[in-house]
Amino acid sequence: MEYTDIKHINNNAKTCDGDKCSVSIMHEKDGSYTVAIDEMDIAENADTEERALIKLAASILDYAMEYYDNYHLYNGSSNRSGHLPYVTKAFLLGNAERIRDEMMEHKQHLKI
């Protein structure tokens, strides 16, 4: 599913072109992978890095829709208002595959 209707989002909001998301990838002791975006407090876990990235991208789209549906509440919240550039970027990218590709450019592996 592609989300492209962002006309109600603040036109002055910057997309994260100038901002960089930190995509952390952790290889867990059980062999699974946890992938997180610290700026949005979103994480997913799966048996492979690729599956974890796809799950994370889908979660970002879900969160973007939730943010959009509750824009005044979320944008007025001190712990969520900073998510707007990332939500806007998710809408502009439009699907999980593009979001995954964008995350691949900013990933870093962490040792735990």
C-alpha atoms as a PDB file:
ATOM      1  CA  MET A   1       0.000   0.000   0.000  1.00  0.00           C
ATOM      2  CA  GLU A   2       1.317   3.444  -0.832  1.00  0.00           C
ATOM      3  CA  TYR A   3       0.591   6.515   1.275  1.00  0.00           C
ATOM      4  CA  THR A   4       0.922   9.760  -0.602  1.00  0.00           C
ATOM      5  CA  ASP A   5      -1.782  12.064   0.799  1.00  0.00           C
ATOM      6  CA  ILE A   6       0.146  14.387   3.098  1.00  0.00           C
ATOM      7  CA  LYS A   7      -1.700  17.625   2.353  1.00  0.00           C
ATOM      8  CA  HIS A   8      -2.738  18.109   5.984  1.00  0.00           C
ATOM      9  CA  ILE A   9       0.797  17.875   7.326  1.00  0.00           C
ATOM     10  CA  ASN A  10       2.497  21.182   8.059  1.00  0.00           C
ATOM     11  CA  ASN A  11       4.052  22.500   4.842  1.00  0.00           C
ATOM     12  CA  ASN A  12       6.933  23.984   6.830  1.00  0.00           C
ATOM     13  CA  ALA A  13       7.975  20.598   8.216  1.00  0.00           C
ATOM     14  CA  LYS A  14      11.357  19.485   7.052  1.00  0.00           C
ATOM     15  CA  THR A  15      11.782  15.987   5.741  1.00  0.00           C
ATOM     16  CA  CYS A  16      14.759  14.090   7.033  1.00  0.00           C
ATOM     17  CA  ASP A  17      16.874  14.931   3.990  1.00  0.00           C
ATOM     18  CA  GLY A  18      19.147  16.967   6.260  1.00  0.00           C
ATOM     19  CA  ASP A  19      18.464  14.788   9.288  1.00  0.00           C
ATOM     20  CA  LYS A  20      19.901  11.326   9.510  1.00  0.00           C
ATOM     21  CA  CYS A  21      18.128   8.482  11.196  1.00  0.00           C
ATOM     22  CA  SER A  22      20.237   6.138  13.274  1.00  0.00           C
ATOM     23  CA  VAL A  23      19.392   2.579  12.294  1.00  0.00           C
ATOM     24  CA  SER A  24      20.898   0.205  14.827  1.00  0.00           C
ATOM     25  CA  ILE A  25      21.173  -3.491  14.068  1.00  0.00           C
ATOM     26  CA  MET A  26      21.904  -5.875  16.911  1.00  0.00           C
ATOM     27  CA  HIS A  27      22.659  -9.554  16.426  1.00  0.00           C
ATOM     28  CA  GLU A  28      21.053 -11.111  19.480  1.00  0.00           C
ATOM     29  CA  LYS A  29      22.420 -14.065  21.466  1.00  0.00           C
ATOM     30  CA  ASP A  30      19.534 -16.237  20.219  1.00  0.00           C
ATOM     31  CA  GLY A  31      20.630 -15.604  16.612  1.00  0.00           C
ATOM     32  CA  SER A  32      17.836 -13.159  15.797  1.00  0.00           C
ATOM     33  CA  TYR A  33      18.293  -9.539  14.738  1.00  0.00           C
ATOM     34  CA  THR A  34      16.832  -6.463  16.396  1.00  0.00           C
ATOM     35  CA  VAL A  35      16.651  -3.335  14.271  1.00  0.00           C
ATOM     36  CA  ALA A  36      15.803   0.047  15.790  1.00  0.00           C
ATOM     37  CA  ILE A  37      15.452   3.693  14.895  1.00  0.00           C
ATOM     38  CA  ASP A  38      16.384   5.591  18.031  1.00  0.00           C
ATOM     39  CA  GLU A  39      14.881   8.886  16.887  1.00  0.00           C
ATOM     40  CA  MET A  40      11.420   7.301  16.678  1.00  0.00           C
ATOM     41  CA  ASP A  41      11.646   4.729  19.496  1.00  0.00           C
ATOM     42  CA  ILE A  42      10.622   1.959  17.089  1.00  0.00           C
ATOM     43  CA  ALA A  43      12.247  -1.480  17.004  1.00  0.00           C
ATOM     44  CA  GLU A  44      11.537  -4.867  15.437  1.00  0.00           C
ATOM     45  CA  ASN A  45      13.052  -8.313  15.794  1.00  0.00           C
ATOM     46  CA  ALA A  46      13.213 -11.194  13.291  1.00  0.00           C
ATOM     47  CA  ASP A  47      15.273 -14.240  12.444  1.00  0.00           C
ATOM     48  CA  THR A  48      17.224 -12.402   9.706  1.00  0.00           C
ATOM     49  CA  GLU A  49      18.461  -8.846   9.312  1.00  0.00           C
ATOM     50  CA  GLU A  50      16.457  -8.427   6.099  1.00  0.00           C
ATOM     51  CA  ARG A  51      13.190  -9.560   7.723  1.00  0.00           C
ATOM     52  CA  ALA A  52      13.807  -7.292  10.692  1.00  0.00           C
ATOM     53  CA  LEU A  53      14.366  -4.316   8.352  1.00  0.00           C
ATOM     54  CA  ILE A  54      11.166  -5.063   6.415  1.00  0.00           C
ATOM     55  CA  LYS A  55       9.196  -5.409   9.671  1.00  0.00           C
ATOM     56  CA  LEU A  56      10.655  -2.114  10.885  1.00  0.00           C
ATOM     57  CA  ALA A  57       9.784  -0.376   7.612  1.00  0.00           C
ATOM     58  CA  ALA A  58       6.189  -1.651   7.857  1.00  0.00           C
ATOM     59  CA  SER A  59       6.004  -0.468  11.490  1.00  0.00           C
ATOM     60  CA  ILE A  60       7.224   2.966  10.432  1.00  0.00           C
ATOM     61  CA  LEU A  61       4.434   3.175   7.825  1.00  0.00           C
ATOM     62  CA  ASP A  62       1.872   2.067  10.429  1.00  0.00           C
ATOM     63  CA  TYR A  63       3.175   4.669  12.856  1.00  0.00           C
ATOM     64  CA  ALA A  64       3.121   7.339  10.133  1.00  0.00           C
ATOM     65  CA  MET A  65      -0.567   6.613   9.509  1.00  0.00           C
ATOM     66  CA  GLU A  66      -1.296   6.735  13.236  1.00  0.00           C
ATOM     67  CA  TYR A  67       0.595  10.026  13.521  1.00  0.00           C
ATOM     68  CA  TYR A  68      -1.300  11.435  10.542  1.00  0.00           C
ATOM     69  CA  ASP A  69      -4.666  10.302  11.925  1.00  0.00           C
ATOM     70  CA  ASN A  70      -3.858  11.910  15.299  1.00  0.00           C
ATOM     71  CA  TYR A  71      -1.745  14.781  13.986  1.00  0.00           C
ATOM     72  CA  HIS A  72      -2.804  17.457  16.489  1.00  0.00           C
ATOM     73  CA  LEU A  73      -2.295  15.143  19.436  1.00  0.00           C
ATOM     74  CA  TYR A  74       1.052  13.721  18.281  1.00  0.00           C
ATOM     75  CA  ASN A  75       2.543  16.939  16.957  1.00  0.00           C
ATOM     76  CA  GLY A  76       1.570  18.708  20.185  1.00  0.00           C
ATOM     77  CA  SER A  77       3.266  16.055  22.304  1.00  0.00           C
ATOM     78  CA  SER A  78       6.808  16.835  23.453  1.00  0.00           C
ATOM     79  CA  ASN A  79       7.981  13.246  22.968  1.00  0.00           C
ATOM     80  CA  ARG A  80       6.450  12.839  19.475  1.00  0.00           C
ATOM     81  CA  SER A  81       6.593  16.233  17.793  1.00  0.00           C
ATOM     82  CA  GLY A  82      10.198  15.558  16.735  1.00  0.00           C
ATOM     83  CA  HIS A  83       9.013  12.525  14.771  1.00  0.00           C
ATOM     84  CA  LEU A  84       7.322  14.691  12.122  1.00  0.00           C
ATOM     85  CA  PRO A  85      10.322  14.846   9.747  1.00  0.00           C
ATOM     86  CA  TYR A  86      10.606  11.058   9.798  1.00  0.00           C
ATOM     87  CA  VAL A  87       6.854  10.545   9.401  1.00  0.00           C
ATOM     88  CA  THR A  88       6.867  12.960   6.471  1.00  0.00           C
ATOM     89  CA  LYS A  89       9.805  11.117   4.916  1.00  0.00           C
ATOM     90  CA  ALA A  90       7.928   7.804   5.287  1.00  0.00           C
ATOM     91  CA  PHE A  91       4.958   9.270   3.419  1.00  0.00           C
ATOM     92  CA  LEU A  92       7.203  10.662   0.703  1.00  0.00           C
ATOM     93  CA  LEU A  93       8.954   7.313   0.245  1.00  0.00           C
ATOM     94  CA  GLY A  94       5.525   5.682   0.112  1.00  0.00           C
ATOM     95  CA  ASN A  95       6.225   1.991   0.740  1.00  0.00           C
ATOM     96  CA  ALA A  96       8.131  -0.380   2.993  1.00  0.00           C
ATOM     97  CA  GLU A  97      10.703  -1.323   0.354  1.00  0.00           C
ATOM     98  CA  ARG A  98      11.770   2.286  -0.197  1.00  0.00           C
ATOM     99  CA  ILE A  99      11.898   2.909   3.544  1.00  0.00           C
ATOM    100  CA  ARG A 100      14.061  -0.219   3.963  1.00  0.00           C
ATOM    101  CA  ASP A 101      16.415   0.992   1.227  1.00  0.00           C
ATOM    102  CA  GLU A 102      16.718   4.380   2.954  1.00  0.00           C
ATOM    103  CA  MET A 103      17.462   2.684   6.284  1.00  0.00           C
ATOM    104  CA  MET A 104      20.167   0.552   4.660  1.00  0.00           C
ATOM    105  CA  GLU A 105      22.116   3.742   3.942  1.00  0.00           C
ATOM    106  CA  HIS A 106      22.173   4.692   7.641  1.00  0.00           C
ATOM    107  CA  LYS A 107      22.546   1.371   9.430  1.00  0.00           C
ATOM    108  CA  GLN A 108      25.205   0.556  11.938  1.00  0.00           C
ATOM    109  CA  HIS A 109      25.859  -2.778  13.567  1.00  0.00           C
ATOM    110  CA  LEU A 110      26.095  -2.770  17.339  1.00  0.00           C
ATOM    111  CA  LYS A 111      27.767  -5.412  19.438  1.00  0.00           C
ATOM    112  CA  ILE A 112      25.959  -6.443  22.584  1.00  0.00           C
END
